[in-house]
C-alpha atoms as a PDB file:
ATOM      1  CA  MET A   1      -1.140  12.185  -5.778  1.00  0.00           C
ATOM      2  CA  GLU A   2       0.206  11.788  -2.284  1.00  0.00           C
ATOM      3  CA  LEU A   3       0.022   9.326   0.553  1.00  0.00           C
ATOM      4  CA  ASN A   4       0.661  10.685   4.019  1.00  0.00           C
ATOM      5  CA  VAL A   5       2.741   8.360   6.170  1.00  0.00           C
ATOM      6  CA  SER A   6       2.823   8.774   9.941  1.00  0.00           C
ATOM      7  CA  ALA A   7       6.211   9.145  11.621  1.00  0.00           C
ATOM      8  CA  VAL A   8       5.760   5.759  13.337  1.00  0.00           C
ATOM      9  CA  ALA A   9       4.925   4.009  10.047  1.00  0.00           C
ATOM     10  CA  ALA A  10       7.843   5.718   8.294  1.00  0.00           C
ATOM     11  CA  SER A  11      10.259   4.631  11.023  1.00  0.00           C
ATOM     12  CA  ARG A  12       9.074   1.018  10.725  1.00  0.00           C
ATOM     13  CA  LEU A  13       9.407   1.016   6.943  1.00  0.00           C
ATOM     14  CA  ALA A  14      12.711   2.898   6.623  1.00  0.00           C
ATOM     15  CA  PRO A  15      15.043   0.007   7.582  1.00  0.00           C
ATOM     16  CA  MET A  16      13.374  -2.227   4.972  1.00  0.00           C
ATOM     17  CA  LEU A  17      13.500   0.207   2.080  1.00  0.00           C
ATOM     18  CA  HIS A  18      16.672   0.288   0.028  1.00  0.00           C
ATOM     19  CA  ALA A  19      17.424   1.683  -3.426  1.00  0.00           C
ATOM     20  CA  ASP A  20      16.857  -1.758  -4.959  1.00  0.00           C
ATOM     21  CA  LYS A  21      13.421  -2.223  -3.306  1.00  0.00           C
ATOM     22  CA  ALA A  22       9.979  -1.050  -4.383  1.00  0.00           C
ATOM     23  CA  LEU A  23       7.104  -0.287  -2.027  1.00  0.00           C
ATOM     24  CA  ILE A  24       3.687  -1.250  -3.381  1.00  0.00           C
ATOM     25  CA  LEU A  25       0.207  -0.730  -1.975  1.00  0.00           C
ATOM     26  CA  ASP A  26      -1.650  -3.574  -3.673  1.00  0.00           C
ATOM     27  CA  ILE A  27      -5.405  -4.037  -3.591  1.00  0.00           C
ATOM     28  CA  ASN A  28      -6.595  -7.637  -3.276  1.00  0.00           C
ATOM     29  CA  ASP A  29      -8.552  -7.786  -6.490  1.00  0.00           C
ATOM     30  CA  GLY A  30      -6.968 -10.840  -8.085  1.00  0.00           C
ATOM     31  CA  ILE A  31      -5.136  -8.795 -10.725  1.00  0.00           C
ATOM     32  CA  GLY A  32      -1.379  -9.248 -10.820  1.00  0.00           C
ATOM     33  CA  PRO A  33       0.893 -11.965  -9.463  1.00  0.00           C
ATOM     34  CA  TYR A  34       0.811 -10.805  -5.827  1.00  0.00           C
ATOM     35  CA  SER A  35      -2.916 -10.180  -5.511  1.00  0.00           C
ATOM     36  CA  ARG A  36      -5.599 -12.551  -4.314  1.00  0.00           C
ATOM     37  CA  PRO A  37      -9.288 -11.641  -4.282  1.00  0.00           C
ATOM     38  CA  SER A  38     -10.309 -10.354  -0.868  1.00  0.00           C
ATOM     39  CA  LYS A  39     -12.534 -12.634   1.151  1.00  0.00           C
ATOM     40  CA  THR A  40     -13.747  -9.743   3.317  1.00  0.00           C
ATOM     41  CA  SER A  41     -17.343  -9.182   2.301  1.00  0.00           C
ATOM     42  CA  GLY A  42     -18.073  -5.713   1.032  1.00  0.00           C
ATOM     43  CA  GLN A  43     -14.653  -4.217   1.738  1.00  0.00           C
ATOM     44  CA  ALA A  44     -11.572  -3.847  -0.421  1.00  0.00           C
ATOM     45  CA  LYS A  45      -8.300  -4.800   1.267  1.00  0.00           C
ATOM     46  CA  PHE A  46      -4.784  -3.550   0.611  1.00  0.00           C
ATOM     47  CA  ASN A  47      -1.442  -5.216   1.266  1.00  0.00           C
ATOM     48  CA  LEU A  48       1.848  -3.388   1.523  1.00  0.00           C
ATOM     49  CA  LEU A  49       4.473  -5.210  -0.553  1.00  0.00           C
ATOM     50  CA  ILE A  50       8.228  -4.792  -0.525  1.00  0.00           C
ATOM     51  CA  LEU A  51       9.961  -6.410  -3.466  1.00  0.00           C
ATOM     52  CA  PRO A  52      13.000  -5.988  -5.707  1.00  0.00           C
ATOM     53  CA  ARG A  53      12.541  -3.183  -8.243  1.00  0.00           C
ATOM     54  CA  THR A  54      13.451  -5.641 -10.979  1.00  0.00           C
ATOM     55  CA  ASN A  55      10.348  -7.739 -10.153  1.00  0.00           C
ATOM     56  CA  VAL A  56       7.693  -4.999 -10.339  1.00  0.00           C
ATOM     57  CA  PRO A  57       4.888  -6.096 -12.698  1.00  0.00           C
ATOM     58  CA  ASP A  58       3.428  -3.632 -15.207  1.00  0.00           C
ATOM     59  CA  VAL A  59       0.045  -3.687 -13.424  1.00  0.00           C
ATOM     60  CA  TYR A  60       1.479  -1.174 -10.905  1.00  0.00           C
ATOM     61  CA  ASP A  61       1.262   1.694 -13.350  1.00  0.00           C
ATOM     62  CA  ALA A  62       0.888   4.687 -11.018  1.00  0.00           C
ATOM     63  CA  HIS A  63       2.421   5.935  -7.806  1.00  0.00           C
ATOM     64  CA  LEU A  64       1.689   7.999  -4.743  1.00  0.00           C
ATOM     65  CA  ASP A  65       4.374  10.349  -3.466  1.00  0.00           C
ATOM     66  CA  SER A  66       5.135   9.781   0.195  1.00  0.00           C
ATOM     67  CA  PRO A  67       7.713  10.681   2.837  1.00  0.00           C
ATOM     68  CA  VAL A  68       9.284   7.217   2.390  1.00  0.00           C
ATOM     69  CA  GLY A  69       9.475   7.523  -1.403  1.00  0.00           C
ATOM     70  CA  PRO A  70       7.121   6.523  -4.200  1.00  0.00           C
ATOM     71  CA  VAL A  71       4.446   3.969  -3.336  1.00  0.00           C
ATOM     72  CA  LEU A  72       3.365   2.072  -6.450  1.00  0.00           C
ATOM     73  CA  ILE A  73      -0.337   1.360  -7.007  1.00  0.00           C
ATOM     74  CA  LYS A  74      -2.657   0.145  -9.743  1.00  0.00           C
ATOM     75  CA  SER A  75      -3.895   3.371 -11.359  1.00  0.00           C
ATOM     76  CA  TYR A  76      -7.561   2.450 -11.025  1.00  0.00           C
ATOM     77  CA  THR A  77      -7.221   2.360  -7.216  1.00  0.00           C
ATOM     78  CA  SER A  78      -6.269   6.035  -6.962  1.00  0.00           C
ATOM     79  CA  GLY A  79      -9.839   6.941  -5.936  1.00  0.00           C
ATOM     80  CA  PHE A  80      -9.235   5.308  -2.543  1.00  0.00           C
ATOM     81  CA  PHE A  81      -6.581   7.908  -1.684  1.00  0.00           C
ATOM     82  CA  LYS A  82      -7.746  11.375  -0.662  1.00  0.00           C
ATOM     83  CA  ALA A  83      -5.611  14.269   0.607  1.00  0.00           C
ATOM     84  CA  GLU A  84      -6.225  13.242   4.222  1.00  0.00           C
ATOM     85  CA  THR A  85      -5.488   9.517   3.713  1.00  0.00           C
ATOM     86  CA  GLU A  86      -2.604   8.327   5.880  1.00  0.00           C
ATOM     87  CA  LEU A  87      -0.680   5.096   6.241  1.00  0.00           C
ATOM     88  CA  THR A  88      -0.200   4.671   9.964  1.00  0.00           C
ATOM     89  CA  VAL A  89       0.372   1.990  12.559  1.00  0.00           C
ATOM     90  CA  SER A  90      -2.407   0.443  14.595  1.00  0.00           C
ATOM     91  CA  GLY A  91      -1.062  -1.968  17.192  1.00  0.00           C
ATOM     92  CA  ASP A  92       1.273  -4.334  15.370  1.00  0.00           C
ATOM     93  CA  HIS A  93      -0.208  -3.644  11.943  1.00  0.00           C
ATOM     94  CA  PHE A  94      -0.241  -0.912   9.356  1.00  0.00           C
ATOM     95  CA  ALA A  95      -3.554   0.808   8.665  1.00  0.00           C
ATOM     96  CA  ILE A  96      -5.043   3.266   6.190  1.00  0.00           C
ATOM     97  CA  VAL A  97      -6.950   6.083   7.919  1.00  0.00           C
ATOM     98  CA  PRO A  98      -9.403   7.592   7.458  1.00  0.00           C
ATOM     99  CA  GLY A  99     -10.535   4.772   5.253  1.00  0.00           C
ATOM    100  CA  GLU A 100     -13.339   4.879   2.781  1.00  0.00           C
ATOM    101  CA  PRO A 101     -16.370   2.889   4.025  1.00  0.00           C
ATOM    102  CA  GLN A 102     -15.731   0.227   1.370  1.00  0.00           C
ATOM    103  CA  LEU A 103     -12.102  -0.171   2.493  1.00  0.00           C
ATOM    104  CA  ASP A 104     -10.774  -2.503   5.186  1.00  0.00           C
ATOM    105  CA  PRO A 105      -8.372  -0.208   7.111  1.00  0.00           C
ATOM    106  CA  ASN A 106      -5.954  -3.013   8.063  1.00  0.00           C
ATOM    107  CA  VAL A 107      -2.919  -3.348   5.787  1.00  0.00           C
ATOM    108  CA  ARG A 108      -0.719  -6.420   5.892  1.00  0.00           C
ATOM    109  CA  LEU A 109       3.015  -6.105   5.171  1.00  0.00           C
ATOM    110  CA  LYS A 110       4.455  -8.766   2.844  1.00  0.00           C
ATOM    111  CA  PHE A 111       7.952  -9.323   1.520  1.00  0.00           C
ATOM    112  CA  VAL A 112       7.978 -10.760  -1.986  1.00  0.00           C
END
């Protein structure tokens, strides 16, 4: 599985990603220590997490290949990511486009 990353998004992420850091695309479903249930009615929401590789919980059991390296996900969220899905930048925020109708396209970056 792959996640396309726009050149702008990759350039914003590159300075923050080091060999000792993991990049995670975490759905707000309340599962795992960094996830809170989404309050957005009817839409799933993702957060982009950067954390030390030594602190990655087992719930992130799959990954998407990307131009910035592996992006860890919960395996059951893989259905959100199609061949044309791209992590890009929209204004000051990251976004997933084209998003599934049940997906909030805005992605918040968090350092853990």
